[in-house]
């Protein structure tokens, strides 16, 4: 599963980020995430979940 920009907050609201190591999202939305890594463009949590900051990081997300 992958989420970009504000989409990680939707996953969080649905309870899908509970127990996950860390995440990232667009700067305005990162504060809504339980464990945000604001200095990283893409954050991977094992093989199941990847999140990225926004459109500018889409290629980084897609090449992982």
N, C-alpha and C. Protein backbone atom coordinates (compact mmCIF):
# COMPACT_ATOMS: atom_id res chain seq x y z
N UNK A 1 0.85 -1.15 0.00
CA UNK A 1 0.00 0.00 0.00
C UNK A 1 0.91 1.23 0.00
N UNK A 2 0.49 2.24 -0.73
CA UNK A 2 1.26 3.48 -0.79
C UNK A 2 0.31 4.65 -0.61
N UNK A 3 0.79 5.70 0.03
CA UNK A 3 0.00 6.91 0.23
C UNK A 3 0.91 8.11 0.05
N UNK A 4 0.39 9.13 -0.61
CA UNK A 4 1.18 10.31 -0.92
C UNK A 4 0.41 11.58 -0.54
N UNK A 5 1.12 12.61 -0.17
CA UNK A 5 0.57 13.93 0.16
C UNK A 5 -0.29 13.84 1.42
N UNK A 6 -1.59 14.10 1.33
CA UNK A 6 -2.48 14.04 2.50
C UNK A 6 -3.04 12.65 2.72
N UNK A 7 -2.87 11.74 1.79
CA UNK A 7 -3.44 10.40 1.90
C UNK A 7 -3.00 9.63 3.15
N UNK A 8 -1.77 9.80 3.64
CA UNK A 8 -1.43 9.10 4.88
C UNK A 8 -2.34 9.47 6.05
N UNK A 9 -2.89 10.68 6.07
CA UNK A 9 -3.80 11.05 7.15
C UNK A 9 -5.11 10.29 7.04
N UNK A 10 -5.53 9.96 5.83
CA UNK A 10 -6.74 9.15 5.63
C UNK A 10 -6.51 7.75 6.18
N UNK A 11 -5.33 7.19 5.89
CA UNK A 11 -5.00 5.87 6.44
C UNK A 11 -4.96 5.92 7.97
N UNK A 12 -4.42 7.00 8.51
CA UNK A 12 -4.36 7.15 9.96
C UNK A 12 -5.77 7.23 10.56
N UNK A 13 -6.64 8.03 9.95
CA UNK A 13 -8.01 8.16 10.44
C UNK A 13 -8.76 6.82 10.40
N UNK A 14 -8.39 5.97 9.45
CA UNK A 14 -9.03 4.65 9.33
C UNK A 14 -8.39 3.62 10.27
N UNK A 15 -7.37 4.03 11.02
CA UNK A 15 -6.71 3.13 11.95
C UNK A 15 -5.68 2.22 11.33
N UNK A 16 -5.32 2.46 10.08
CA UNK A 16 -4.38 1.58 9.38
C UNK A 16 -2.91 1.86 9.68
N UNK A 17 -2.62 2.95 10.37
CA UNK A 17 -1.23 3.26 10.71
C UNK A 17 -0.87 2.86 12.14
N UNK A 18 -1.84 2.39 12.88
CA UNK A 18 -1.59 1.99 14.26
C UNK A 18 -0.55 0.87 14.30
N UNK A 19 0.46 1.06 15.13
CA UNK A 19 1.50 0.06 15.27
C UNK A 19 2.56 0.09 14.19
N UNK A 20 2.46 0.99 13.25
CA UNK A 20 3.46 1.11 12.19
C UNK A 20 4.63 1.95 12.69
N UNK A 21 5.80 1.73 12.13
CA UNK A 21 7.02 2.38 12.60
C UNK A 21 7.00 3.89 12.41
N UNK A 22 6.76 4.37 11.21
CA UNK A 22 6.82 5.81 10.94
C UNK A 22 6.20 6.11 9.59
N UNK A 23 5.92 7.39 9.37
CA UNK A 23 5.24 7.82 8.15
C UNK A 23 5.69 9.23 7.79
N UNK A 24 5.32 9.67 6.62
CA UNK A 24 5.49 11.06 6.23
C UNK A 24 4.30 11.47 5.39
N UNK A 25 4.13 12.77 5.22
CA UNK A 25 3.03 13.33 4.44
C UNK A 25 3.40 14.76 4.08
N UNK A 26 2.54 15.41 3.33
CA UNK A 26 2.75 16.82 3.01
C UNK A 26 2.91 17.60 4.31
N UNK A 27 3.77 18.60 4.32
CA UNK A 27 4.15 19.30 5.55
C UNK A 27 2.96 19.75 6.40
N UNK A 28 1.93 20.24 5.79
CA UNK A 28 0.76 20.74 6.52
C UNK A 28 0.03 19.61 7.26
N UNK A 29 0.18 18.38 6.81
CA UNK A 29 -0.57 17.26 7.37
C UNK A 29 0.25 16.36 8.29
N UNK A 30 1.57 16.52 8.30
CA UNK A 30 2.42 15.62 9.09
C UNK A 30 2.08 15.63 10.57
N UNK A 31 1.65 16.76 11.11
CA UNK A 31 1.34 16.84 12.54
C UNK A 31 0.18 15.93 12.94
N UNK A 32 -0.61 15.49 11.96
CA UNK A 32 -1.75 14.61 12.23
C UNK A 32 -1.34 13.13 12.27
N UNK A 33 -0.08 12.85 12.02
CA UNK A 33 0.39 11.46 12.01
C UNK A 33 1.04 11.12 13.34
N UNK A 34 0.86 9.89 13.81
CA UNK A 34 1.39 9.51 15.12
C UNK A 34 2.92 9.53 15.21
N UNK A 35 3.59 9.09 14.18
CA UNK A 35 5.06 9.06 14.18
C UNK A 35 5.55 9.55 12.83
N UNK A 36 5.72 10.85 12.70
CA UNK A 36 6.09 11.44 11.42
C UNK A 36 7.60 11.67 11.35
N UNK A 37 8.18 11.34 10.20
CA UNK A 37 9.59 11.62 9.92
C UNK A 37 9.64 12.75 8.90
N UNK A 38 9.65 13.98 9.36
CA UNK A 38 9.51 15.13 8.47
C UNK A 38 10.72 15.36 7.58
N UNK A 39 11.88 14.82 7.93
CA UNK A 39 13.07 15.07 7.13
C UNK A 39 13.24 14.06 5.98
N UNK A 40 12.36 13.10 5.87
CA UNK A 40 12.49 12.08 4.82
C UNK A 40 11.43 12.27 3.75
N UNK A 41 11.84 12.09 2.48
CA UNK A 41 10.92 12.25 1.35
C UNK A 41 9.97 11.06 1.23
N UNK A 42 10.49 9.86 1.49
CA UNK A 42 9.70 8.63 1.44
C UNK A 42 10.03 7.81 2.68
N UNK A 43 9.01 7.24 3.28
CA UNK A 43 9.21 6.37 4.44
C UNK A 43 8.57 5.03 4.13
N UNK A 44 9.34 3.95 4.30
CA UNK A 44 8.83 2.60 4.09
C UNK A 44 8.70 1.90 5.43
N UNK A 45 7.60 1.22 5.61
CA UNK A 45 7.38 0.43 6.81
C UNK A 45 7.25 -1.02 6.36
N UNK A 46 8.38 -1.67 6.27
CA UNK A 46 8.39 -3.05 5.80
C UNK A 46 7.98 -3.15 4.35
N UNK A 47 7.39 -4.26 3.98
CA UNK A 47 6.96 -4.47 2.60
C UNK A 47 5.51 -4.05 2.37
N UNK A 48 4.83 -3.63 3.42
CA UNK A 48 3.39 -3.39 3.30
C UNK A 48 2.98 -1.94 3.09
N UNK A 49 3.78 -0.98 3.53
CA UNK A 49 3.34 0.40 3.51
C UNK A 49 4.48 1.35 3.17
N UNK A 50 4.22 2.25 2.23
CA UNK A 50 5.15 3.33 1.91
C UNK A 50 4.37 4.63 1.86
N UNK A 51 4.94 5.69 2.42
CA UNK A 51 4.31 7.00 2.37
C UNK A 51 5.32 8.01 1.84
N UNK A 52 4.82 9.05 1.18
CA UNK A 52 5.72 10.11 0.72
C UNK A 52 5.05 11.46 0.86
N UNK A 53 5.87 12.50 0.77
CA UNK A 53 5.44 13.86 1.07
C UNK A 53 4.43 14.45 0.10
N UNK A 54 4.63 14.25 -1.20
CA UNK A 54 3.74 14.89 -2.16
C UNK A 54 4.15 14.63 -3.59
N UNK A 55 3.59 15.40 -4.50
CA UNK A 55 3.85 15.19 -5.93
C UNK A 55 5.33 15.24 -6.27
N UNK A 56 6.08 16.08 -5.60
CA UNK A 56 7.52 16.19 -5.84
C UNK A 56 8.30 14.96 -5.44
N UNK A 57 7.70 14.06 -4.69
CA UNK A 57 8.38 12.84 -4.26
C UNK A 57 7.79 11.59 -4.91
N UNK A 58 6.92 11.78 -5.89
CA UNK A 58 6.25 10.64 -6.53
C UNK A 58 7.23 9.69 -7.20
N UNK A 59 8.24 10.22 -7.86
CA UNK A 59 9.24 9.35 -8.50
C UNK A 59 10.03 8.58 -7.46
N UNK A 60 10.37 9.23 -6.36
CA UNK A 60 11.08 8.52 -5.28
C UNK A 60 10.23 7.38 -4.74
N UNK A 61 8.97 7.63 -4.56
CA UNK A 61 8.06 6.60 -4.06
C UNK A 61 7.91 5.47 -5.08
N UNK A 62 7.77 5.81 -6.33
CA UNK A 62 7.55 4.81 -7.37
C UNK A 62 8.74 3.93 -7.67
N UNK A 63 9.93 4.37 -7.35
CA UNK A 63 11.12 3.57 -7.66
C UNK A 63 11.55 2.67 -6.52
N UNK A 64 10.78 2.63 -5.48
CA UNK A 64 11.12 1.76 -4.32
C UNK A 64 10.43 0.44 -4.43
